[in-house]
Amino acid sequence: MQSLIIANHAATQAVDRCHSSRLRIVSELQFPWLPTADGSGQTVHPSVVYFPEKWNGYAYWMAVSGYKNGIAAYENTHIFVSNDLLEWTAPPNFTNPIDTAVIGDFQSDPNLLFKDGVLYLYYRDGNTLLRRMTTDGSNWAPREFCTSDETVVSPSVHYFSGQWHMWAGKQDEGGGLYRYQSNDGVHWGDGRRCRTSTRPNLTIWHCDVWRDGALYHTVASAGTGGYSTLNTTQLYYGSSIDGENWYIDELPCVPKGIDQRLAWRIYKSCVVPHGGKQLLLVSGGDKPGGTQLSAACWTEMSAFPKPDFPPIDERWIDDYGTMDAGERKDYGWFKPFPYQRLRGIVKLEHGGTLVVRQGADPAPAYTSVQTVELDAAKETEIDIALSFPWVNVSLQHAGSIAGYVRNFISLLR
């Protein structure tokens, strides 16, 4: 079998089904053997760091979760190294897995980061985020307990501009993409939910984020139908100019079924910038309780950002539910750039108010506030200019009993 480094870019027939994504597969999927501790070779959730000049003897360093037949008892973090992407082994004088679960029943969601001669590993024990580090790949410092929201899943950690940054999902919110910041990589502040322009009912679950200069990219496993269906995800490419507002392609870059070994789902994957190209490592499975595998391929990227970014006016709030008596609903602070207006229709069964706050920062000390009175059971049109970097929208229900809410607000250029 040829090394992926020199393999011809002969796309498989299944790749034709990904043609509408800006990230396109241009080589065959290769499924390397990964010598897991349980002997199955089954893995998911790869994270890879590439060293053009080998680090401690190897060009590729991978953290990945063992996951034999999708059984949590086998889910633990492994470290592998390679120089050709096909032959992988544990680092010298190192035994996998790197750790055993002591807080929860499994360990999951590994992420590697290299900074100033140190390789950092983030991973979860149960719902607790941990960090370990090494300078040689064989000897790892003891675990550090990170202070973060215990609902964080699939962290993607970076360091730039003098600060640590993490993008992750949240279990209690049923998916979505959140951004966290830290001064030391251990103590993390509250996460901010990113605004994602996706097709209706698409829920982001596990993501990998990388930067290209000042631009941000992600490949995210996502599914339709809400939290309960996130085991049958596909992989979508997304881009952002600020790391907060994301445009997610409408169609997947890697659909389930691209290979019979990935017929059931495409799970968390990662992209490794590689000398002007992008190496994509994909993970997934063939069926519930079946074989879970990781594969690698080359990709190419079409124009980024799209010439007409953002491509469309975006529906931001689509609330078709109920509010309790006297309830206040806060839709959160967000960055509206590059949009310039909020426009929509709001209707509360028993009336109330809509409040739009704007300011230089997402904080209580806002600069501008606009209040719109909402008559009971009457549609009220909203058209508000966006003049500040941050905006917050909230509803106050005036009824003494529960009532319906219809809040449909779009962001306009």
Protein backbone atom coordinates (compact mmCIF):
# COMPACT_ATOMS: atom_id res chain seq x y z
CA MET A 1 0.00 0.00 0.00
CA GLN A 2 1.37 3.39 -0.96
CA SER A 3 2.09 6.02 1.62
CA LEU A 4 -0.53 8.73 1.78
CA ILE A 5 2.26 11.24 1.32
CA ILE A 6 2.98 10.08 -2.23
CA ALA A 7 -0.31 8.41 -3.16
CA ASN A 8 -2.05 9.53 -6.32
CA HIS A 9 -5.10 11.72 -5.77
CA ALA A 10 -7.54 9.28 -7.39
CA ALA A 11 -10.92 10.18 -5.94
CA THR A 12 -13.37 7.39 -5.20
CA GLN A 13 -16.81 7.33 -6.75
CA ALA A 14 -18.42 8.19 -3.42
CA VAL A 15 -16.54 11.48 -3.36
CA ASP A 16 -18.86 12.74 -6.10
CA ARG A 17 -21.58 12.94 -3.44
CA CYS A 18 -19.57 15.60 -1.58
CA HIS A 19 -19.18 18.02 -4.51
CA SER A 20 -21.28 20.78 -2.97
CA SER A 21 -19.01 21.28 0.04
CA ARG A 22 -16.17 23.78 -0.06
CA LEU A 23 -13.89 21.10 1.45
CA ARG A 24 -13.57 18.28 -1.09
CA ILE A 25 -11.96 14.86 -0.78
CA VAL A 26 -9.40 14.23 -3.55
CA SER A 27 -7.90 10.86 -2.56
CA GLU A 28 -8.99 7.41 -1.51
CA LEU A 29 -9.74 6.79 2.14
CA GLN A 30 -6.99 4.79 3.81
CA PHE A 31 -7.75 2.87 7.01
CA PRO A 32 -4.44 2.39 8.86
CA TRP A 33 -4.05 -0.21 11.60
CA LEU A 34 -3.87 1.44 15.02
CA PRO A 35 -2.52 -0.97 17.69
CA THR A 36 -4.98 -0.27 20.49
CA ALA A 37 -4.50 -1.74 23.95
CA ASP A 38 -7.51 -4.04 23.51
CA GLY A 39 -6.12 -5.41 20.23
CA SER A 40 -9.17 -4.46 18.16
CA GLY A 41 -7.65 -1.52 16.29
CA GLN A 42 -10.99 0.27 16.61
CA THR A 43 -10.80 4.02 17.27
CA VAL A 44 -12.72 7.29 16.96
CA HIS A 45 -12.10 10.99 17.61
CA PRO A 46 -8.59 11.52 16.12
CA SER A 47 -6.51 14.62 16.80
CA VAL A 48 -3.19 14.97 14.94
CA VAL A 49 -0.28 17.40 15.08
CA TYR A 50 2.09 17.50 12.07
CA PHE A 51 5.76 18.45 12.43
CA PRO A 52 7.49 19.29 9.10
CA GLU A 53 10.75 18.88 11.02
CA LYS A 54 10.22 15.73 13.04
CA TRP A 55 9.63 16.15 16.76
CA ASN A 56 11.26 13.49 18.90
CA GLY A 57 11.73 11.38 15.79
CA TYR A 58 8.24 11.52 14.29
CA ALA A 59 6.33 13.77 11.88
CA TYR A 60 2.82 12.83 13.03
CA TRP A 61 1.55 12.63 16.58
CA MET A 62 -1.98 11.39 17.15
CA ALA A 63 -4.32 11.24 20.14
CA VAL A 64 -7.36 9.03 19.56
CA SER A 65 -10.01 7.19 21.55
CA GLY A 66 -10.14 3.43 21.59
CA TYR A 67 -13.79 2.44 21.10
CA LYS A 68 -14.22 -1.27 20.43
CA ASN A 69 -17.73 -1.89 19.08
CA GLY A 70 -18.86 1.41 20.61
CA ILE A 71 -18.56 0.05 24.16
CA ALA A 72 -17.76 2.72 26.76
CA ALA A 73 -15.55 0.37 28.79
CA TYR A 74 -13.06 0.38 25.88
CA GLU A 75 -13.18 4.15 25.40
CA ASN A 76 -9.82 5.51 26.51
CA THR A 77 -7.14 7.79 25.12
CA HIS A 78 -4.21 6.43 23.08
CA ILE A 79 -1.13 8.16 21.71
CA PHE A 80 0.36 7.04 18.38
CA VAL A 81 3.20 8.27 16.16
CA SER A 82 4.02 7.83 12.49
CA ASN A 83 6.24 9.08 9.69
CA ASP A 84 4.09 7.94 6.74
CA LEU A 85 0.47 8.02 8.02
CA LEU A 86 0.11 4.28 7.46
CA GLU A 87 2.39 2.64 10.02
CA TRP A 88 1.49 3.80 13.53
CA THR A 89 2.97 2.79 16.85
CA ALA A 90 3.08 3.99 20.44
CA PRO A 91 5.90 6.46 21.21
CA PRO A 92 9.14 4.88 22.47
CA ASN A 93 8.98 3.68 26.08
CA PHE A 94 5.28 4.48 26.30
CA THR A 95 2.34 2.16 26.96
CA ASN A 96 -1.23 2.85 25.86
CA PRO A 97 -3.70 3.96 27.04
CA ILE A 98 -2.29 7.12 28.58
CA ASP A 99 -4.74 7.04 31.49
CA THR A 100 -7.60 5.07 33.01
CA ALA A 101 -10.97 6.45 34.04
CA VAL A 102 -11.25 7.32 37.74
CA ILE A 103 -14.01 9.95 37.69
CA GLY A 104 -16.45 8.53 35.15
CA ASP A 105 -16.82 5.21 33.36
CA PHE A 106 -14.74 6.18 30.32
CA GLN A 107 -12.29 8.72 28.90
CA SER A 108 -13.02 10.49 25.65
CA ASP A 109 -12.61 13.42 23.26
CA PRO A 110 -8.79 13.82 23.09
CA ASN A 111 -7.25 16.94 21.56
CA LEU A 112 -3.55 17.66 20.94
CA LEU A 113 -1.88 21.08 20.88
CA PHE A 114 1.82 21.94 20.48
CA LYS A 115 3.17 25.16 22.02
CA ASP A 116 6.72 26.27 22.85
CA GLY A 117 8.26 22.81 22.74
CA VAL A 118 5.47 21.19 24.78
CA LEU A 119 2.81 18.80 23.49
CA TYR A 120 -0.47 19.29 25.38
CA LEU A 121 -3.24 16.71 25.58
CA TYR A 122 -6.80 17.63 26.56
CA TYR A 123 -9.32 14.86 27.19
CA ARG A 124 -12.38 14.06 29.31
CA ASP A 125 -12.76 11.64 32.21
CA GLY A 126 -16.50 11.24 32.47
CA ASN A 127 -17.62 14.85 32.16
CA THR A 128 -14.43 16.38 33.63
CA LEU A 129 -11.93 18.08 31.33
CA LEU A 130 -8.29 17.13 32.00
CA ARG A 131 -4.90 18.23 30.64
CA ARG A 132 -1.51 16.53 30.49
CA MET A 133 1.73 17.62 28.83
CA THR A 134 5.06 16.25 27.65
CA THR A 135 8.34 17.43 26.15
CA ASP A 136 9.39 14.06 24.71
CA GLY A 137 6.14 12.17 24.04
CA SER A 138 7.11 9.33 26.35
CA ASN A 139 6.99 10.93 29.78
CA TRP A 140 3.80 12.82 30.60
CA ALA A 141 3.20 15.17 33.52
CA PRO A 142 0.39 14.26 35.94
CA ARG A 143 -3.15 15.18 35.00
CA GLU A 144 -4.41 18.69 35.62
CA PHE A 145 -8.08 19.27 36.35
CA CYS A 146 -9.48 22.06 34.20
CA THR A 147 -12.13 24.34 35.61
CA SER A 148 -14.75 24.47 32.92
CA ASP A 149 -18.39 23.74 32.29
CA GLU A 150 -18.84 20.01 32.90
CA THR A 151 -21.08 19.75 29.87
CA VAL A 152 -18.18 20.51 27.48
CA VAL A 153 -17.67 17.88 24.79
CA SER A 154 -15.07 17.54 22.02
CA PRO A 155 -12.71 20.43 22.95
CA SER A 156 -10.62 21.96 20.17
CA VAL A 157 -7.92 24.03 21.91
CA HIS A 158 -5.59 26.68 20.44
CA TYR A 159 -3.18 29.32 21.68
CA PHE A 160 -2.79 32.66 19.91
CA SER A 161 -2.70 36.38 20.68
CA GLY A 162 -1.42 35.64 24.19
CA GLN A 163 -4.49 33.63 25.21
CA TRP A 164 -5.87 30.10 25.17
CA HIS A 165 -9.00 29.52 23.09
CA MET A 166 -11.31 26.49 23.06
CA TRP A 167 -14.21 25.60 20.80
CA ALA A 168 -16.47 22.81 22.04
CA GLY A 169 -19.99 21.44 22.14
CA LYS A 170 -22.24 21.25 25.20
CA GLN A 171 -24.25 18.24 26.25
CA ASP A 172 -26.96 20.06 28.16
CA GLU A 173 -27.72 22.34 25.23
CA GLY A 174 -28.23 19.44 22.84
CA GLY A 175 -25.24 20.28 20.69
CA GLY A 176 -24.15 23.59 19.23
CA LEU A 177 -20.76 25.31 19.04
CA TYR A 178 -19.34 27.31 21.97
CA ARG A 179 -16.17 29.37 22.43
CA TYR A 180 -14.22 29.57 25.69
CA GLN A 181 -11.12 31.57 26.68
CA SER A 182 -8.44 31.14 29.35
CA ASN A 183 -5.24 32.82 30.52
CA ASP A 184 -3.50 29.56 31.43
CA GLY A 185 -5.28 26.77 29.53
CA VAL A 186 -6.61 25.28 32.79
CA HIS A 187 -9.04 27.83 34.20
CA TRP A 188 -11.71 28.51 31.58
CA GLY A 189 -14.38 31.19 31.63
CA ASP A 190 -18.01 30.77 30.65
CA GLY A 191 -18.60 29.68 27.09
CA ARG A 192 -20.29 31.89 24.51
CA ARG A 193 -22.57 30.19 22.04
CA CYS A 194 -21.38 30.82 18.49
CA ARG A 195 -23.86 31.82 15.86
CA THR A 196 -23.93 29.20 13.11
CA SER A 197 -25.66 29.57 9.78
CA THR A 198 -26.80 26.01 9.05
CA ARG A 199 -29.63 24.40 7.19
CA PRO A 200 -32.78 23.89 9.29
CA ASN A 201 -32.65 21.31 12.10
CA LEU A 202 -28.90 20.67 11.73
CA THR A 203 -27.32 20.27 15.18
CA ILE A 204 -23.53 20.46 15.62
CA TRP A 205 -22.14 17.81 17.96
CA HIS A 206 -18.34 17.26 17.79
CA CYS A 207 -16.02 19.70 16.02
CA ASP A 208 -12.41 20.36 15.12
CA VAL A 209 -11.29 23.97 14.58
CA TRP A 210 -8.14 25.23 12.89
CA ARG A 211 -6.81 28.63 11.84
CA ASP A 212 -5.32 29.77 8.55
CA GLY A 213 -3.83 33.16 9.24
CA ALA A 214 -6.70 35.29 10.52
CA LEU A 215 -9.36 32.92 9.15
CA TYR A 216 -11.07 30.08 11.02
CA HIS A 217 -12.25 26.71 9.73
CA THR A 218 -14.09 23.75 11.21
CA VAL A 219 -15.15 20.24 10.34
CA ALA A 220 -18.09 19.31 12.52
CA SER A 221 -20.06 16.10 12.91
CA ALA A 222 -23.68 17.15 12.85
CA GLY A 223 -27.09 15.59 12.49
CA THR A 224 -30.72 16.51 11.98
CA GLY A 225 -33.56 15.92 14.38
CA GLY A 226 -32.01 17.11 17.63
CA TYR A 227 -29.91 15.61 20.39
CA SER A 228 -31.41 12.12 20.21
CA THR A 229 -30.19 11.57 16.64
CA LEU A 230 -26.60 12.73 17.08
CA ASN A 231 -25.28 9.18 16.80
CA THR A 232 -26.06 9.22 13.07
CA THR A 233 -24.04 12.28 12.12
CA GLN A 234 -22.29 13.35 8.93
CA LEU A 235 -19.30 15.70 8.56
CA TYR A 236 -19.79 19.34 7.54
CA TYR A 237 -17.26 22.05 6.71
CA GLY A 238 -17.68 25.58 8.09
CA SER A 239 -15.78 28.86 8.04
CA SER A 240 -15.63 32.06 10.06
CA ILE A 241 -13.87 35.40 9.91
CA ASP A 242 -13.94 35.98 13.68
CA GLY A 243 -14.35 32.57 15.34
CA GLU A 244 -17.79 33.58 16.63
CA ASN A 245 -20.01 33.67 13.54
CA TRP A 246 -19.85 30.56 11.37
CA TYR A 247 -21.18 29.69 7.93
CA ILE A 248 -21.70 25.91 7.72
CA ASP A 249 -22.06 24.34 4.28
CA GLU A 250 -25.51 23.03 3.50
CA LEU A 251 -24.28 19.59 2.36
CA PRO A 252 -21.70 17.37 4.10
CA CYS A 253 -18.08 17.16 3.02
CA VAL A 254 -18.07 13.53 4.20
CA PRO A 255 -21.49 11.82 4.10
CA LYS A 256 -22.15 8.61 5.96
CA GLY A 257 -21.88 5.73 3.52
CA ILE A 258 -18.88 7.19 1.71
CA ASP A 259 -17.33 3.83 2.58
CA GLN A 260 -19.16 0.71 3.79
CA ARG A 261 -17.08 0.84 6.96
CA LEU A 262 -18.61 4.27 7.63
CA ALA A 263 -22.17 3.41 6.66
CA TRP A 264 -23.81 4.34 9.96
CA ARG A 265 -22.21 7.66 10.89
CA ILE A 266 -19.29 10.05 10.46
CA TYR A 267 -18.10 11.00 13.92
CA LYS A 268 -15.57 13.55 15.17
CA SER A 269 -12.81 14.12 12.61
CA CYS A 270 -9.90 16.53 12.23
CA VAL A 271 -8.02 18.48 9.57
CA VAL A 272 -4.23 18.87 9.62
CA PRO A 273 -2.84 21.77 7.53
CA HIS A 274 -0.02 20.22 5.54
CA GLY A 275 2.14 22.46 3.36
CA GLY A 276 -0.71 24.11 1.48
CA LYS A 277 -2.89 20.98 1.54
CA GLN A 278 -5.30 19.62 4.13
CA LEU A 279 -5.00 16.14 5.57
CA LEU A 280 -8.38 14.93 6.81
CA LEU A 281 -8.70 12.18 9.41
CA VAL A 282 -12.22 10.80 9.57
CA SER A 283 -13.79 8.52 12.18
CA GLY A 284 -17.08 6.69 12.26
CA GLY A 285 -18.77 3.30 12.28
CA ASP A 286 -20.66 0.82 10.16
CA LYS A 287 -23.62 0.20 12.50
CA PRO A 288 -24.71 0.62 16.14
CA GLY A 289 -22.50 -1.65 18.23
CA GLY A 290 -20.39 -2.37 15.15
CA THR A 291 -16.83 -1.61 14.11
CA GLN A 292 -15.56 1.93 14.83
CA LEU A 293 -12.65 3.06 12.64
CA SER A 294 -10.49 6.05 11.73
CA ALA A 295 -9.33 6.77 8.17
CA ALA A 296 -7.21 9.39 6.39
CA CYS A 297 -7.43 11.18 3.05
CA TRP A 298 -6.35 14.36 1.27
CA THR A 299 -8.67 17.28 0.61
CA GLU A 300 -8.66 20.53 -1.29
CA MET A 301 -10.51 23.71 -0.47
CA SER A 302 -12.41 25.97 -2.83
CA ALA A 303 -12.39 29.74 -2.49
CA PHE A 304 -12.59 30.98 1.10
CA PRO A 305 -14.37 32.98 2.12
CA LYS A 306 -17.10 32.78 -0.48
CA PRO A 307 -17.11 35.95 -2.63
CA ASP A 308 -20.61 36.82 -1.38
CA PHE A 309 -19.93 36.04 2.30
CA PRO A 310 -22.34 36.03 4.01
CA PRO A 311 -24.18 34.31 1.16
CA ILE A 312 -27.72 34.98 2.40
CA ASP A 313 -29.67 36.94 4.94
CA GLU A 314 -29.82 34.67 7.96
CA ARG A 315 -32.73 33.62 10.15
CA TRP A 316 -31.28 34.07 13.64
CA ILE A 317 -34.24 33.53 16.01
CA ASP A 318 -36.92 31.00 15.16
CA ASP A 319 -38.90 30.60 18.38
CA TYR A 320 -42.23 28.85 18.07
CA GLY A 321 -43.03 27.84 21.63
CA THR A 322 -44.53 29.01 24.92
CA MET A 323 -43.55 31.31 27.79
CA ASP A 324 -44.60 30.99 31.42
CA ALA A 325 -46.39 33.76 33.29
CA GLY A 326 -44.02 36.71 33.70
CA GLU A 327 -41.14 34.80 32.11
CA ARG A 328 -38.14 36.62 30.65
CA LYS A 329 -36.38 34.88 27.77
CA ASP A 330 -32.83 35.97 26.92
CA TYR A 331 -31.50 35.00 23.49
CA GLY A 332 -27.93 35.92 24.46
CA TRP A 333 -25.25 38.30 23.30
CA PHE A 334 -23.84 37.84 19.82
CA LYS A 335 -21.67 39.57 17.24
CA PRO A 336 -23.84 40.71 14.33
CA PHE A 337 -20.99 41.51 11.90
CA PRO A 338 -21.21 41.56 8.91
CA TYR A 339 -24.98 42.03 9.18
CA GLN A 340 -26.46 45.50 9.64
CA ARG A 341 -30.11 45.10 10.66
CA LEU A 342 -32.50 42.99 12.74
CA ARG A 343 -35.83 42.49 11.02
CA GLY A 344 -38.71 40.21 11.83
CA ILE A 345 -42.11 39.62 13.41
CA VAL A 346 -42.84 39.01 17.11
CA LYS A 347 -46.14 37.94 18.66
CA LEU A 348 -46.92 37.13 22.31
CA GLU A 349 -50.30 35.67 23.23
CA HIS A 350 -50.66 37.90 26.31
CA GLY A 351 -48.38 40.76 25.25
CA GLY A 352 -45.08 42.01 26.68
CA THR A 353 -41.91 43.72 25.53
CA LEU A 354 -38.95 43.01 23.26
CA VAL A 355 -35.66 44.58 24.37
CA VAL A 356 -32.61 45.02 22.12
CA ARG A 357 -29.39 46.04 23.85
CA GLN A 358 -26.20 47.00 22.00
CA GLY A 359 -22.72 47.75 23.25
CA ALA A 360 -18.97 47.55 22.75
CA ASP A 361 -18.78 44.40 24.90
CA PRO A 362 -21.16 41.58 25.90
CA ALA A 363 -21.74 43.04 29.35
CA PRO A 364 -24.45 44.65 31.46
CA ALA A 365 -22.92 48.08 30.74
CA TYR A 366 -24.57 48.31 27.32
CA THR A 367 -24.49 51.53 25.28
CA SER A 368 -27.89 51.48 23.62
CA VAL A 369 -31.27 49.97 24.50
CA GLN A 370 -34.43 49.85 22.41
CA THR A 371 -37.76 48.61 23.82
CA VAL A 372 -40.67 47.54 21.65
CA GLU A 373 -44.09 47.13 23.27
CA LEU A 374 -45.96 44.03 22.09
CA ASP A 375 -49.74 44.08 22.17
CA ALA A 376 -51.49 40.84 23.12
CA ALA A 377 -51.96 38.37 20.27
CA LYS A 378 -50.87 40.95 17.68
CA GLU A 379 -48.00 40.61 15.22
CA THR A 380 -45.43 43.39 15.65
CA GLU A 381 -42.86 44.12 12.97
CA ILE A 382 -39.25 44.62 14.11
CA ASP A 383 -36.68 46.62 12.11
CA ILE A 384 -33.64 47.76 14.11
CA ALA A 385 -30.29 49.04 12.85
CA LEU A 386 -27.19 47.33 14.29
CA SER A 387 -24.59 49.93 15.28
CA PHE A 388 -22.36 48.24 17.87
CA PRO A 389 -20.08 45.15 17.97
CA TRP A 390 -22.35 43.22 20.36
CA VAL A 391 -26.15 42.81 20.48
CA ASN A 392 -28.52 41.17 22.97
CA VAL A 393 -32.20 40.35 22.42
CA SER A 394 -34.69 39.42 25.15
CA LEU A 395 -38.45 39.00 25.56
CA GLN A 396 -40.54 39.77 28.63
CA HIS A 397 -43.90 38.01 28.81
CA ALA A 398 -46.58 40.16 30.48
CA GLY A 399 -49.25 37.50 30.86
CA SER A 400 -50.40 36.18 34.23
CA ILE A 401 -50.71 32.73 32.68
CA ALA A 402 -48.61 30.84 30.17
CA GLY A 403 -49.00 31.76 26.51
CA TYR A 404 -47.52 31.15 23.11
CA VAL A 405 -44.58 33.06 21.61
CA ARG A 406 -43.88 33.58 17.93
CA ASN A 407 -40.50 35.24 17.47
CA PHE A 408 -39.00 35.20 13.99
CA ILE A 409 -36.03 37.56 13.55
CA SER A 410 -33.56 37.60 10.68
CA LEU A 411 -30.17 39.25 10.26
CA LEU A 412 -29.91 41.40 7.14
CA ARG A 413 -26.94 42.80 5.28
